[in-house]
Protein backbone atom coordinates (compact mmCIF):
# COMPACT_ATOMS: atom_id res chain seq x y z
CA MET A 1 47.98 156.60 61.75
CA GLU A 2 47.41 158.32 64.92
CA ALA A 3 44.64 157.81 67.69
CA LYS A 4 43.49 158.49 70.97
CA HIS A 5 41.60 156.16 73.28
CA GLU A 6 40.33 155.63 76.57
CA GLY A 7 40.39 151.91 77.55
CA GLY A 8 40.08 150.53 73.95
CA HIS A 9 43.54 148.49 74.44
CA TYR A 10 42.17 145.80 72.65
CA PHE A 11 40.73 147.53 69.89
CA LYS A 12 42.32 146.95 66.47
CA VAL A 13 42.30 148.59 62.96
CA LYS A 14 42.11 146.79 59.61
CA TYR A 15 42.69 148.54 56.68
CA GLU A 16 42.91 147.73 52.87
CA TRP A 17 45.91 148.73 50.36
CA LEU A 18 46.94 147.94 46.74
CA SER A 19 48.98 145.30 46.14
CA LEU A 20 50.46 143.70 43.11
CA ASN A 21 49.96 139.45 42.63
CA GLY A 22 51.77 138.88 39.38
CA ASP A 23 50.00 140.92 36.90
CA GLN A 24 46.97 141.23 39.24
CA ILE A 25 46.34 144.41 41.28
CA GLU A 26 44.61 143.45 44.54
CA LEU A 27 43.37 145.27 47.89
CA VAL A 28 44.87 143.49 50.61
CA LYS A 29 43.70 143.76 54.05
CA ASN A 30 46.15 144.56 56.69
CA ASP A 31 45.97 144.29 60.54
CA SER A 32 47.22 147.10 62.87
CA GLY A 33 47.48 144.46 65.77
CA TYR A 34 45.99 145.93 69.40
CA LEU A 35 46.03 149.49 69.99
CA LYS A 36 47.77 148.60 73.26
CA ASP A 37 50.61 147.58 71.04
CA TRP A 38 51.20 150.78 69.12
CA THR A 39 53.72 153.27 69.82
CA LEU A 40 52.64 155.33 72.78
CA LEU A 41 52.91 159.07 72.14
CA GLN A 42 51.55 160.73 75.56
CA ILE A 43 49.18 159.53 78.45
CA GLU A 44 46.89 162.25 79.45
CA GLY A 45 48.36 164.33 82.24
CA GLU A 46 51.86 163.18 81.69
CA GLU A 47 54.76 164.69 79.51
CA PRO A 48 54.86 163.29 76.07
CA LYS A 49 57.33 160.49 75.29
CA PRO A 50 60.65 161.29 74.10
CA PRO A 51 60.88 161.17 70.29
CA GLU A 52 63.39 158.10 70.53
CA SER A 53 60.78 155.91 72.15
CA ALA A 54 58.03 156.72 69.46
CA ALA A 55 59.76 154.73 66.83
CA PRO A 56 57.29 152.96 64.31
CA ILE A 57 56.60 149.58 65.00
CA ASP A 58 56.11 146.47 62.79
CA PRO A 59 52.13 145.22 63.00
CA LYS A 60 53.44 141.90 62.02
CA ALA A 61 56.22 141.43 64.78
CA ALA A 62 53.65 142.64 67.44
CA ALA A 63 51.02 140.50 66.24
CA ALA A 64 53.60 137.44 66.19
CA LYS A 65 54.50 138.24 69.80
CA LYS A 66 51.13 139.21 71.45
CA ALA A 67 48.84 136.85 69.37
CA PRO A 68 47.97 133.40 71.03
CA PRO A 69 48.71 130.03 69.09
CA PRO A 70 46.64 129.37 66.28
CA ALA A 71 45.51 125.87 68.15
CA ALA A 72 44.08 127.88 71.04
CA LYS A 73 40.46 128.42 69.45
CA PRO A 74 37.72 129.55 71.68
CA ASP A 75 35.55 126.65 72.59
CA PRO A 76 31.80 127.72 72.81
CA LYS A 77 30.77 125.02 75.25
CA LYS A 78 33.53 126.22 77.77
CA GLY A 79 32.65 130.02 77.14
CA GLY A 80 35.85 131.05 75.42
CA GLY A 81 39.46 130.60 74.86
CA THR A 82 42.81 131.63 76.13
CA ALA A 83 41.98 135.41 77.75
CA LEU A 84 43.99 138.53 77.09
CA GLU A 85 45.46 139.95 80.37
CA GLU A 86 43.41 142.68 81.76
CA ILE A 87 44.45 146.28 81.65
CA THR A 88 43.05 148.58 84.48
CA ASP A 89 44.96 151.84 83.34
CA ASN A 90 42.26 153.45 81.04
CA ARG A 91 43.66 156.87 81.17
CA PRO A 92 43.25 158.69 77.81
CA ARG A 93 46.51 157.91 75.80
CA THR A 94 47.75 159.34 72.14
CA ILE A 95 49.36 156.37 70.26
CA SER A 96 50.55 155.99 66.74
CA LEU A 97 51.28 153.16 64.07
CA THR A 98 53.46 153.47 61.00
CA LYS A 99 53.61 151.28 57.98
CA ASP A 100 56.30 151.55 55.37
CA PHE A 101 55.17 149.26 52.78
CA ALA A 102 58.56 150.23 50.28
CA ALA A 103 60.55 149.15 53.32
CA GLU A 104 58.65 145.75 53.63
CA ALA A 105 59.32 145.03 49.99
CA GLY A 106 63.01 145.47 50.20
CA GLY A 107 63.27 149.29 49.49
CA ALA A 108 61.07 149.02 46.18
CA GLY A 109 58.24 151.29 46.17
CA LEU A 110 54.76 150.59 44.32
CA LYS A 111 55.35 150.76 40.82
CA ILE A 112 52.93 153.21 39.13
CA ASN A 113 52.02 152.13 35.58
CA GLU A 114 48.91 153.51 33.62
CA GLU A 115 46.95 150.51 34.93
CA MET A 116 48.10 151.02 38.22
CA ALA A 117 47.06 154.88 38.23
CA ARG A 118 43.68 154.07 36.61
CA LYS A 119 43.14 151.62 39.62
CA ILE A 120 43.97 154.15 42.11
CA SER A 121 41.88 157.00 40.40
CA ASP A 122 38.74 154.73 41.24
CA THR A 123 39.57 152.68 44.39
CA VAL A 124 38.21 153.44 47.86
CA ILE A 125 39.74 151.99 50.53
CA LYS A 126 38.06 150.61 53.42
CA ILE A 127 39.03 151.11 57.15
CA GLU A 128 37.72 148.92 59.94
CA VAL A 129 37.42 149.71 63.55
CA LEU A 130 37.28 146.31 65.65
CA GLU A 131 37.00 145.30 69.18
CA VAL A 132 38.38 141.89 70.63
CA ASN A 133 36.59 140.16 73.02
CA ARG A 134 39.03 139.72 75.91
CA GLU A 135 37.69 136.47 76.83
CA THR A 136 36.72 134.69 73.63
CA LEU A 137 39.27 136.61 71.49
CA GLU A 138 35.93 137.50 69.10
CA GLU A 139 36.59 140.29 66.70
CA THR A 140 33.30 142.58 66.12
CA VAL A 141 33.36 145.55 63.60
CA LYS A 142 32.20 148.68 65.62
CA ASP A 143 32.69 151.03 62.85
CA THR A 144 33.96 151.21 58.81
CA VAL A 145 35.27 154.44 57.16
CA LEU A 146 36.04 154.59 53.42
CA ILE A 147 38.75 156.64 51.92
CA ASP A 148 38.97 158.01 48.06
CA ILE A 149 42.77 157.77 47.50
CA SER A 150 42.63 159.34 44.06
CA CYS A 151 43.70 162.45 45.37
CA LEU A 152 47.27 160.91 45.71
CA LEU A 153 47.85 160.79 41.79
CA TYR A 154 48.26 164.40 40.62
CA PRO A 155 50.78 166.48 43.00
CA THR A 156 53.86 167.45 41.25
CA THR A 157 56.12 168.26 44.16
CA GLN A 158 58.27 166.01 46.31
CA GLY A 159 56.86 164.75 49.60
CA VAL A 160 52.95 163.87 48.87
CA GLU A 161 50.72 163.88 51.89
CA PHE A 162 47.13 163.55 52.77
CA ALA A 163 45.45 163.16 55.68
CA TRP A 164 42.07 162.33 57.01
CA THR A 165 40.63 162.84 60.36
CA PHE A 166 37.79 160.77 62.11
CA ASP A 167 36.81 162.11 65.23
CA LYS A 168 32.94 160.72 65.40
CA LEU A 169 33.46 157.04 65.40
CA LYS A 170 30.76 154.72 66.99
CA PRO A 171 33.04 153.30 69.64
CA MET A 172 32.95 155.80 72.59
CA GLN A 173 36.63 154.53 73.74
CA LEU A 174 37.97 156.35 70.44
CA HIS A 175 38.39 159.90 70.70
CA TYR A 176 39.54 160.22 67.29
CA LEU A 177 41.57 158.24 64.62
CA ASN A 178 43.89 160.13 62.01
CA VAL A 179 45.11 158.45 58.65
CA LYS A 180 47.82 159.76 56.97
CA ILE A 181 49.08 158.33 53.56
CA THR A 182 52.44 159.51 52.40
CA SER A 183 54.93 159.22 49.32
CA ASP A 184 58.55 160.48 49.03
CA GLN A 185 58.15 160.92 45.15
CA PRO A 186 55.10 161.98 43.01
CA LEU A 187 53.43 158.91 41.73
CA LEU A 188 52.84 160.05 38.10
CA SER A 189 55.37 160.88 35.58
CA ASP A 190 54.70 164.25 33.62
CA PHE A 191 53.57 162.00 30.47
CA LEU A 192 51.17 160.01 32.43
CA ARG A 193 49.71 162.81 34.32
CA ARG A 194 48.85 164.59 31.23
CA LYS A 195 47.56 161.45 29.54
CA LEU A 196 45.27 160.65 32.52
CA ASN A 197 44.08 164.11 33.01
CA PRO A 198 44.84 166.15 29.92
CA LEU A 199 43.08 169.67 31.20
CA GLN A 200 45.03 169.54 34.23
CA LEU A 201 42.59 170.93 36.36
CA HIS A 202 43.95 171.83 40.15
CA LEU A 203 41.05 172.90 42.46
CA ILE A 204 42.70 175.73 44.71
CA ALA A 205 39.65 176.87 46.65
CA CYS A 206 35.49 176.96 46.93
CA LYS A 207 33.28 179.05 48.75
CA ASP A 208 29.19 179.30 49.13
CA ILE A 209 28.96 175.56 49.03
CA PRO A 210 25.34 174.87 50.55
CA TYR A 211 25.76 172.43 53.61
CA LYS A 212 23.65 170.55 56.19
CA THR A 213 20.01 171.33 55.48
CA GLU A 214 20.27 174.21 53.31
CA HIS A 215 18.18 173.58 50.33
CA LYS A 216 18.86 176.63 47.90
CA PHE A 217 20.18 177.30 44.23
CA LYS A 218 23.18 179.92 44.41
CA PRO A 219 26.33 180.16 42.88
CA ILE A 220 29.47 178.34 43.74
CA TYR A 221 32.69 180.12 43.19
CA CYS A 222 35.63 177.66 42.46
CA VAL A 223 39.44 178.81 41.79
CA VAL A 224 41.32 176.43 39.60
CA HIS A 225 44.53 176.10 37.80
CA PHE A 226 45.17 174.48 34.37
CA ALA A 227 48.29 172.92 33.06
CA ASP A 228 49.25 176.11 31.19
CA GLY A 229 49.48 178.19 34.73
CA LYS A 230 46.21 180.38 33.75
CA ARG A 231 43.93 181.06 36.45
CA PHE A 232 40.17 181.02 35.96
CA ARG A 233 37.37 181.65 38.40
CA THR A 234 34.30 179.18 37.40
CA LEU A 235 30.76 180.60 38.57
CA ASP A 236 27.33 179.31 38.68
CA PHE A 237 27.33 176.18 39.98
CA PRO A 238 23.70 175.52 41.07
CA GLN A 239 23.37 172.93 43.96
């Protein structure tokens, strides 16, 4: 993930990801830790940080290092618990966070069998942006976005990568949040790919799609590829 924030030091991102718990496929919520602990790429007005200082961090290690002891719970009668330090440098800064799920599993990536593939095909993961009160440590969800990850299934080339940009989030402190999901290998074998998607349609491009407040019926032109390599143009999709 990459973000740009201005004074959002104590915001954090919580996001779901698939995990195997025995034979059960579950969506597990991950905590990014405070934005102030993400890898700093650049402070506005300064030169970008060199690549060696932009190494990915482990959110769990950062959380363990920065989080207060579990026993220090806020006391409502006293108006809060252990306060976080105040940060007065609110210059806009670009930050990033990388989480390698395969590395955390000892180098073993998520095994994609037919059941897992079907789960991915209809899974929408939730990403929440939270603000943490510096005095009480109370977390408040400020915005939520959803990502359909079914697009990860059907690429056939090495280095699968999909990215989403959210630049109109409700918190004014966040200029944007970019989310990128990558895999070094295609998720599906050729057998599973053909079994789950027999027609093997691959949408190349579309044009003339009505949007905003334009309520008219007109053709939409789409270019698709079939598994046998033929190229077709489909016409007249009324909207």
